[in-house]
């Protein structure tokens, strides 16, 4: 009898876990991904895809809770968020964005995403093969997170900005970088901030947040790296030069005249989030 009772309890617990709100969302999302992987392109398929995203948005509203323009006080954001996952077709550019509610101004100049820690951890695990750090704090300090979480453009992290963590937040990180589909070398102007309060994760990106300038010492590093004869592959050579260049930028940024303004801007972005 005791063994039977244990088995019943175990079965109930397993069922409860499977029926958790996050798991319900993930199961629904994955079923739709599998469905559209087999679907032929047509107007009807597009309608079904849009309906699926709307359904996922509704589930996310239940998961994340009531988040509206009143919570994230940025002029120009829509009143309610939509799914940050904007495609369920595996072959589409931008497939695999961070699961959560997204709010964006026209042209994505400012974009906010709100999700849960459970969905974040699951998403990090899904991107393990892409080199995504699995620890949340490490992920927030990696350019891979800011590249893969939102939009369809690559992101190069140039420096971390030393903001003051809000008292109610368990994690708060701000980074300075460049986003684009082409050359990512140049004065960084995007500031992204991310914070966790309780089981909610808040992410805010501003593409034209601050004006900076080239750092002469880092320009020398770039030119020296690009002058090397190995590796012969031009893309590999540029990748190595870019890595050395951004590392130099991170070391030298704090001594630049524009750095204080960048930190102040990052702090003000953090204060826009509903951290109480």
Protein backbone atom coordinates (compact mmCIF):
# COMPACT_ATOMS: atom_id res chain seq x y z
CA UNK A 1 0.00 0.00 0.00
CA UNK A 2 2.79 2.37 0.90
CA UNK A 3 4.50 1.69 -2.47
CA UNK A 4 1.23 2.23 -4.33
CA UNK A 5 0.66 5.50 -2.53
CA UNK A 6 4.20 6.62 -3.38
CA UNK A 7 3.68 5.77 -7.06
CA UNK A 8 0.42 7.68 -7.14
CA UNK A 9 2.07 10.67 -5.50
CA UNK A 10 4.97 10.48 -7.94
CA UNK A 11 2.60 10.31 -10.92
CA UNK A 12 0.66 13.30 -9.60
CA UNK A 13 3.83 15.33 -9.10
CA UNK A 14 5.08 14.45 -12.60
CA UNK A 15 1.75 15.48 -14.10
CA UNK A 16 1.79 18.74 -12.13
CA UNK A 17 5.24 19.56 -13.44
CA UNK A 18 4.18 18.80 -17.01
CA UNK A 19 1.18 21.06 -16.60
CA UNK A 20 3.13 24.05 -15.25
CA UNK A 21 2.34 27.33 -17.06
CA UNK A 22 5.85 27.61 -18.50
CA UNK A 23 5.78 24.02 -19.73
CA UNK A 24 2.34 24.55 -21.26
CA UNK A 25 3.70 27.52 -23.20
CA UNK A 26 6.83 25.66 -24.33
CA UNK A 27 4.84 22.58 -25.40
CA UNK A 28 2.44 24.76 -27.36
CA UNK A 29 5.28 26.70 -28.99
CA UNK A 30 7.14 23.53 -29.95
CA UNK A 31 4.01 21.91 -31.39
CA UNK A 32 3.49 24.93 -33.61
CA UNK A 33 7.16 24.91 -34.69
CA UNK A 34 6.80 21.23 -35.66
CA UNK A 35 3.55 21.95 -37.50
CA UNK A 36 4.93 24.84 -39.55
CA UNK A 37 8.09 22.87 -40.37
CA UNK A 38 5.84 20.58 -42.46
CA UNK A 39 3.55 23.29 -43.85
CA UNK A 40 3.71 24.54 -47.42
CA UNK A 41 3.97 28.29 -47.95
CA UNK A 42 0.58 29.84 -48.67
CA UNK A 43 -1.69 32.66 -47.59
CA UNK A 44 -3.55 30.23 -45.37
CA UNK A 45 -0.31 29.13 -43.70
CA UNK A 46 0.58 32.75 -42.96
CA UNK A 47 -2.85 33.29 -41.39
CA UNK A 48 -2.40 30.19 -39.25
CA UNK A 49 1.07 31.37 -38.26
CA UNK A 50 -0.24 34.78 -37.19
CA UNK A 51 -3.00 33.11 -35.20
CA UNK A 52 -0.45 30.87 -33.49
CA UNK A 53 1.67 33.88 -32.47
CA UNK A 54 -1.44 35.58 -31.10
CA UNK A 55 -2.24 32.50 -29.05
CA UNK A 56 1.31 32.37 -27.70
CA UNK A 57 1.08 36.06 -26.83
CA UNK A 58 -2.04 35.36 -24.79
CA UNK A 59 -0.31 32.56 -22.90
CA UNK A 60 2.69 34.83 -22.25
CA UNK A 61 0.41 37.52 -20.81
CA UNK A 62 -0.79 34.94 -18.32
CA UNK A 63 2.77 33.87 -17.50
CA UNK A 64 4.44 37.26 -17.24
CA UNK A 65 1.48 39.05 -15.71
CA UNK A 66 0.03 42.47 -16.49
CA UNK A 67 2.80 44.51 -18.11
CA UNK A 68 1.70 47.65 -19.94
CA UNK A 69 3.00 51.04 -20.94
CA UNK A 70 2.21 52.18 -17.39
CA UNK A 71 4.87 49.80 -16.11
CA UNK A 72 7.69 50.52 -18.57
CA UNK A 73 7.57 54.28 -18.90
CA UNK A 74 9.02 54.83 -22.36
CA UNK A 75 7.28 57.22 -24.72
CA UNK A 76 6.28 55.51 -27.93
CA UNK A 77 5.95 51.96 -26.67
CA UNK A 78 2.70 50.17 -27.53
CA UNK A 79 0.10 49.75 -24.80
CA UNK A 80 0.50 45.98 -24.64
CA UNK A 81 3.28 43.60 -25.50
CA UNK A 82 3.33 40.91 -28.16
CA UNK A 83 5.36 37.74 -28.45
CA UNK A 84 9.09 38.42 -28.74
CA UNK A 85 9.21 35.17 -30.71
CA UNK A 86 8.22 36.66 -34.05
CA UNK A 87 8.57 33.57 -36.22
CA UNK A 88 7.82 29.88 -35.75
CA UNK A 89 9.48 28.87 -39.02
CA UNK A 90 12.89 27.38 -38.27
CA UNK A 91 14.37 28.60 -41.53
CA UNK A 92 13.45 32.24 -40.95
CA UNK A 93 16.01 34.85 -39.94
CA UNK A 94 15.43 35.70 -36.31
CA UNK A 95 14.10 32.29 -35.31
CA UNK A 96 14.76 31.51 -31.65
CA UNK A 97 14.39 34.89 -29.98
CA UNK A 98 13.98 35.02 -26.20
CA UNK A 99 10.51 33.88 -25.13
CA UNK A 100 8.69 36.79 -23.52
CA UNK A 101 6.51 39.83 -24.09
CA UNK A 102 8.07 42.46 -26.35
CA UNK A 103 7.44 46.19 -26.54
CA UNK A 104 9.10 48.26 -29.27
CA UNK A 105 9.02 51.79 -30.62
CA UNK A 106 8.90 52.38 -34.36
CA UNK A 107 12.04 51.10 -36.01
CA UNK A 108 12.99 49.18 -32.86
CA UNK A 109 15.00 52.15 -31.60
CA UNK A 110 13.88 51.18 -28.11
CA UNK A 111 12.82 47.65 -27.32
CA UNK A 112 11.81 46.03 -24.04
CA UNK A 113 11.28 42.35 -23.29
CA UNK A 114 9.73 40.95 -20.12
CA UNK A 115 9.92 37.25 -19.32
CA UNK A 116 10.32 34.85 -16.40
CA UNK A 117 13.46 33.28 -14.99
CA UNK A 118 12.14 29.82 -15.89
CA UNK A 119 11.66 30.74 -19.54
CA UNK A 120 15.06 32.47 -19.55
CA UNK A 121 16.85 29.39 -18.20
CA UNK A 122 15.10 27.16 -20.74
CA UNK A 123 16.05 29.55 -23.55
CA UNK A 124 19.70 29.62 -22.44
CA UNK A 125 19.75 25.82 -22.51
CA UNK A 126 18.27 25.80 -26.02
CA UNK A 127 21.18 28.00 -27.17
CA UNK A 128 23.92 26.06 -25.39
CA UNK A 129 25.19 24.71 -28.72
CA UNK A 130 25.59 28.31 -29.94
CA UNK A 131 28.09 29.02 -27.17
CA UNK A 132 25.57 30.72 -24.91
CA UNK A 133 26.75 30.81 -21.25
CA UNK A 134 24.40 28.79 -19.06
CA UNK A 135 24.78 30.86 -15.89
CA UNK A 136 22.42 33.85 -16.00
CA UNK A 137 24.97 36.41 -14.82
CA UNK A 138 27.54 35.18 -17.36
CA UNK A 139 24.94 35.23 -20.14
CA UNK A 140 24.03 38.84 -19.35
CA UNK A 141 27.71 39.76 -19.76
CA UNK A 142 28.04 37.96 -23.10
CA UNK A 143 27.42 39.57 -26.47
CA UNK A 144 25.73 36.34 -27.53
CA UNK A 145 22.77 37.09 -25.27
CA UNK A 146 22.17 40.54 -26.76
CA UNK A 147 22.62 39.20 -30.29
CA UNK A 148 20.25 36.25 -30.03
CA UNK A 149 17.58 37.58 -27.65
CA UNK A 150 16.10 40.30 -29.86
CA UNK A 151 15.99 41.65 -33.42
CA UNK A 152 17.78 40.02 -36.34
CA UNK A 153 21.01 42.02 -36.27
CA UNK A 154 24.35 41.00 -34.78
CA UNK A 155 25.64 42.69 -31.63
CA UNK A 156 29.20 43.47 -30.55
CA UNK A 157 29.73 44.23 -26.87
CA UNK A 158 32.27 47.00 -26.32
CA UNK A 159 32.13 47.51 -22.57
CA UNK A 160 30.13 46.95 -19.41
CA UNK A 161 28.78 50.06 -17.71
CA UNK A 162 29.08 50.16 -13.89
CA UNK A 163 25.52 51.01 -12.88
CA UNK A 164 24.12 50.85 -9.35
CA UNK A 165 21.99 47.76 -8.92
CA UNK A 166 18.44 48.58 -7.75
CA UNK A 167 17.84 47.35 -4.21
CA UNK A 168 15.00 45.07 -5.30
CA UNK A 169 16.94 43.45 -8.14
CA UNK A 170 18.98 40.28 -7.73
CA UNK A 171 20.89 40.94 -10.99
CA UNK A 172 21.42 44.15 -12.97
CA UNK A 173 23.80 44.52 -15.93
CA UNK A 174 24.35 47.26 -18.50
CA UNK A 175 26.41 46.95 -21.67
CA UNK A 176 27.57 49.33 -24.38
CA UNK A 177 27.81 48.06 -27.94
CA UNK A 178 27.09 48.20 -31.65
CA UNK A 179 24.26 46.37 -33.45
CA UNK A 180 24.03 45.89 -37.18
CA UNK A 181 24.04 43.54 -40.16
CA UNK A 182 27.38 44.67 -41.51
CA UNK A 183 30.53 46.15 -40.04
CA UNK A 184 30.29 46.27 -36.24
CA UNK A 185 33.45 48.32 -35.75
CA UNK A 186 32.91 51.93 -34.79
CA UNK A 187 31.92 54.19 -31.90
CA UNK A 188 29.37 52.22 -29.84
CA UNK A 189 26.00 53.88 -29.38
CA UNK A 190 23.61 51.18 -28.10
CA UNK A 191 23.04 50.65 -24.40
CA UNK A 192 21.26 47.53 -23.19
CA UNK A 193 20.22 46.94 -19.59
CA UNK A 194 18.85 43.77 -18.05
CA UNK A 195 17.62 43.07 -14.54
CA UNK A 196 15.90 40.37 -12.53
CA UNK A 197 13.41 41.02 -9.75
CA UNK A 198 11.85 37.96 -8.18
CA UNK A 199 10.92 35.65 -11.04
CA UNK A 200 10.63 38.42 -13.65
CA UNK A 201 13.34 39.36 -16.12
CA UNK A 202 13.40 42.83 -17.69
CA UNK A 203 15.48 43.69 -20.76
CA UNK A 204 15.66 47.14 -22.36
CA UNK A 205 17.69 48.05 -25.46
CA UNK A 206 18.17 51.57 -26.83
CA UNK A 207 19.98 51.66 -30.17
CA UNK A 208 20.83 55.39 -30.23
CA UNK A 209 21.40 55.93 -26.54
CA UNK A 210 24.72 57.79 -26.36
CA UNK A 211 27.47 59.37 -28.45
CA UNK A 212 30.98 58.01 -28.00
CA UNK A 213 34.22 58.22 -29.95
CA UNK A 214 37.02 56.05 -31.24
CA UNK A 215 39.87 55.31 -28.83
CA UNK A 216 43.27 55.92 -30.52
CA UNK A 217 45.04 53.17 -28.56
CA UNK A 218 42.43 50.65 -29.72
CA UNK A 219 42.66 51.84 -33.30
CA UNK A 220 46.35 50.96 -33.15
CA UNK A 221 45.45 47.49 -31.88
CA UNK A 222 43.01 47.05 -34.76
CA UNK A 223 45.52 48.12 -37.42
CA UNK A 224 48.25 45.93 -35.95
CA UNK A 225 45.97 42.88 -35.89
CA UNK A 226 44.70 43.48 -39.43
CA UNK A 227 48.30 43.80 -40.71
CA UNK A 228 49.13 40.23 -39.71
CA UNK A 229 49.56 37.61 -42.40
CA UNK A 230 47.89 34.82 -40.41
CA UNK A 231 45.26 33.59 -40.45
CA UNK A 232 45.01 33.93 -44.22
CA UNK A 233 41.23 33.70 -44.13
CA UNK A 234 40.10 37.33 -44.18
CA UNK A 235 36.98 36.75 -42.11
CA UNK A 236 38.91 34.89 -39.41
CA UNK A 237 41.53 37.64 -39.38
CA UNK A 238 38.87 40.32 -38.97
CA UNK A 239 37.13 38.35 -36.22
CA UNK A 240 40.39 38.13 -34.26
CA UNK A 241 41.09 41.82 -34.84
CA UNK A 242 37.58 42.71 -33.69
CA UNK A 243 37.99 40.62 -30.54
CA UNK A 244 41.25 42.36 -29.68
CA UNK A 245 39.75 45.76 -30.53
CA UNK A 246 36.67 45.39 -28.29
CA UNK A 247 38.80 44.03 -25.42
CA UNK A 248 40.99 47.12 -25.71
CA UNK A 249 37.88 49.31 -25.80
CA UNK A 250 36.56 47.68 -22.62
CA UNK A 251 39.88 48.38 -20.84
CA UNK A 252 40.14 52.00 -21.99
CA UNK A 253 36.49 53.10 -21.94
CA UNK A 254 36.40 54.29 -18.32
CA UNK A 255 39.12 56.88 -19.02
CA UNK A 256 37.22 58.49 -21.91
CA UNK A 257 35.40 61.83 -21.63
CA UNK A 258 32.09 60.34 -22.79
CA UNK A 259 32.09 57.41 -20.35
CA UNK A 260 30.35 59.19 -17.46
CA UNK A 261 27.48 60.19 -19.76
CA UNK A 262 27.15 56.59 -20.94
CA UNK A 263 26.94 55.31 -17.36
CA UNK A 264 24.38 57.99 -16.49
CA UNK A 265 22.27 57.03 -19.50
CA UNK A 266 22.43 53.34 -18.59
CA UNK A 267 21.34 54.14 -15.03
CA UNK A 268 18.40 56.16 -16.34
CA UNK A 269 17.38 53.26 -18.58
CA UNK A 270 17.45 50.93 -15.62
CA UNK A 271 15.20 53.32 -13.72
CA UNK A 272 12.59 53.08 -16.47
CA UNK A 273 11.97 49.45 -15.56
CA UNK A 274 9.25 48.63 -13.01
CA UNK A 275 11.67 47.53 -10.27
CA UNK A 276 10.12 48.21 -6.89
